[in-house]
């Protein structure tokens, strides 16, 4: 009987943890304003990066409509939203661009500027950036 109780307690704790995670997992997505908020964020973000002297040359040949779509998908998926990123992996996309740590950091600063413009809470900003940060080792090649 004691073993059955321990198993039941273990299952109950697992279910509680899972439901708590599920409730928290879209916190960033909701904090960004859902799909509409992410669309607005990307709409503000692209002009910032394409006018930033530190990185704008990286976007000279970019298909901006496609980039906007991929960024929106990625931000949605990474933030815990209901989207799936359908683009290429980060290493493949950025392999020939010679991106430096300074350029990666500039883009992150620009993202935070766009989030500030949208009035996104600093805690949500930090969580999104923290979720995107692991991509740095796949993007930076120089």
Protein backbone atom coordinates (compact mmCIF):
# COMPACT_ATOMS: atom_id res chain seq x y z
CA UNK A 1 0.00 0.00 0.00
CA UNK A 2 2.84 2.40 0.87
CA UNK A 3 4.46 1.83 -2.54
CA UNK A 4 1.15 2.56 -4.27
CA UNK A 5 0.82 5.81 -2.31
CA UNK A 6 4.36 6.84 -3.25
CA UNK A 7 3.65 6.12 -6.90
CA UNK A 8 0.38 8.06 -6.75
CA UNK A 9 2.13 10.97 -5.07
CA UNK A 10 4.88 10.85 -7.69
CA UNK A 11 2.34 10.89 -10.52
CA UNK A 12 0.45 13.77 -8.86
CA UNK A 13 3.65 15.79 -8.50
CA UNK A 14 4.59 15.07 -12.10
CA UNK A 15 1.17 16.25 -13.29
CA UNK A 16 1.37 19.39 -11.17
CA UNK A 17 4.84 20.15 -12.47
CA UNK A 18 3.75 19.52 -16.04
CA UNK A 19 0.70 21.76 -15.78
CA UNK A 20 2.74 24.48 -14.10
CA UNK A 21 5.31 24.26 -16.89
CA UNK A 22 2.59 24.37 -19.52
CA UNK A 23 1.10 27.46 -17.91
CA UNK A 24 4.49 29.15 -17.70
CA UNK A 25 5.79 27.99 -21.05
CA UNK A 26 3.84 30.60 -23.01
CA UNK A 27 4.48 33.43 -20.53
CA UNK A 28 6.98 35.05 -22.88
CA UNK A 29 4.67 34.57 -25.88
CA UNK A 30 1.83 36.24 -23.99
CA UNK A 31 4.17 38.96 -22.71
CA UNK A 32 5.14 39.75 -26.29
CA UNK A 33 1.47 40.23 -27.13
CA UNK A 34 0.90 36.91 -28.85
CA UNK A 35 1.17 36.60 -32.62
CA UNK A 36 -0.01 40.18 -33.20
CA UNK A 37 2.55 41.55 -30.76
CA UNK A 38 5.33 39.52 -32.36
CA UNK A 39 4.31 40.82 -35.79
CA UNK A 40 4.51 44.39 -34.46
CA UNK A 41 7.85 43.64 -32.82
CA UNK A 42 9.34 42.32 -36.06
CA UNK A 43 7.88 45.29 -37.95
CA UNK A 44 9.75 47.64 -35.58
CA UNK A 45 12.88 45.47 -35.38
CA UNK A 46 13.71 45.25 -39.09
CA UNK A 47 14.16 49.00 -39.71
CA UNK A 48 16.37 49.20 -36.63
CA UNK A 49 18.75 46.47 -37.79
CA UNK A 50 18.82 47.71 -41.38
CA UNK A 51 19.83 51.19 -40.23
CA UNK A 52 22.33 50.10 -37.57
CA UNK A 53 25.77 50.99 -38.96
CA UNK A 54 27.32 48.05 -37.11
CA UNK A 55 25.26 45.39 -38.89
CA UNK A 56 23.16 46.87 -41.71
CA UNK A 57 25.51 45.55 -44.41
CA UNK A 58 24.59 42.01 -43.36
CA UNK A 59 21.08 42.62 -44.71
CA UNK A 60 21.97 44.20 -48.06
CA UNK A 61 20.95 41.12 -50.05
CA UNK A 62 18.29 39.83 -47.68
CA UNK A 63 14.73 39.14 -48.74
CA UNK A 64 13.17 41.28 -46.02
CA UNK A 65 9.68 39.85 -46.41
CA UNK A 66 11.05 36.33 -45.92
CA UNK A 67 13.26 37.48 -43.05
CA UNK A 68 10.25 39.06 -41.33
CA UNK A 69 8.30 35.81 -41.67
CA UNK A 70 11.16 33.70 -40.33
CA UNK A 71 11.85 36.05 -37.40
CA UNK A 72 8.17 36.05 -36.46
CA UNK A 73 8.06 32.25 -36.58
CA UNK A 74 11.24 31.98 -34.57
CA UNK A 75 10.21 34.50 -31.91
CA UNK A 76 6.82 32.81 -31.64
CA UNK A 77 8.29 29.31 -31.29
CA UNK A 78 11.10 30.31 -28.91
CA UNK A 79 8.71 32.30 -26.73
CA UNK A 80 6.47 29.29 -26.16
CA UNK A 81 3.83 30.21 -28.71
CA UNK A 82 1.94 27.84 -30.99
CA UNK A 83 4.24 28.37 -33.96
CA UNK A 84 6.81 26.13 -35.57
CA UNK A 85 9.97 27.61 -37.04
CA UNK A 86 10.15 26.39 -40.65
CA UNK A 87 13.40 28.04 -41.67
CA UNK A 88 16.88 26.64 -42.05
CA UNK A 89 19.04 26.03 -39.01
CA UNK A 90 21.07 28.98 -37.72
CA UNK A 91 24.46 27.50 -38.59
CA UNK A 92 23.52 26.98 -42.24
CA UNK A 93 21.93 30.40 -42.68
CA UNK A 94 24.83 32.32 -41.16
CA UNK A 95 27.77 30.14 -42.27
CA UNK A 96 29.13 32.47 -44.95
CA UNK A 97 28.31 35.80 -43.32
CA UNK A 98 31.36 36.13 -41.06
CA UNK A 99 29.33 37.38 -38.12
CA UNK A 100 31.30 38.52 -35.08
CA UNK A 101 30.33 38.54 -31.41
CA UNK A 102 30.10 42.34 -31.61
CA UNK A 103 27.60 42.07 -34.47
CA UNK A 104 25.57 39.44 -32.64
CA UNK A 105 25.48 41.68 -29.57
CA UNK A 106 24.49 44.68 -31.72
CA UNK A 107 21.53 42.73 -33.06
CA UNK A 108 20.53 41.75 -29.51
CA UNK A 109 20.69 45.43 -28.48
CA UNK A 110 18.52 46.34 -31.46
CA UNK A 111 16.00 43.68 -30.48
CA UNK A 112 15.82 45.15 -27.00
CA UNK A 113 15.30 48.62 -28.51
CA UNK A 114 12.41 47.28 -30.58
CA UNK A 115 10.94 45.61 -27.49
CA UNK A 116 11.29 48.88 -25.55
CA UNK A 117 9.44 50.67 -28.34
CA UNK A 118 6.64 48.11 -28.02
CA UNK A 119 6.48 48.61 -24.24
CA UNK A 120 7.37 44.99 -23.55
CA UNK A 121 8.20 44.42 -19.88
CA UNK A 122 11.92 44.12 -19.11
CA UNK A 123 11.41 40.69 -17.52
CA UNK A 124 9.84 39.39 -20.74
CA UNK A 125 12.61 41.00 -22.79
CA UNK A 126 15.25 39.28 -20.68
CA UNK A 127 13.52 35.92 -20.98
CA UNK A 128 13.27 36.18 -24.77
CA UNK A 129 16.91 37.22 -25.11
CA UNK A 130 17.93 34.38 -22.78
CA UNK A 131 16.07 31.90 -24.99
CA UNK A 132 17.72 33.27 -28.14
CA UNK A 133 21.24 33.55 -26.66
CA UNK A 134 22.19 29.87 -27.14
CA UNK A 135 22.01 30.46 -30.89
CA UNK A 136 25.09 32.66 -30.65
CA UNK A 137 27.51 29.76 -31.04
CA UNK A 138 25.75 28.75 -34.28
CA UNK A 139 25.61 32.28 -35.70
CA UNK A 140 29.00 33.74 -34.80
CA UNK A 141 31.67 32.44 -37.17
CA UNK A 142 34.39 35.03 -36.88
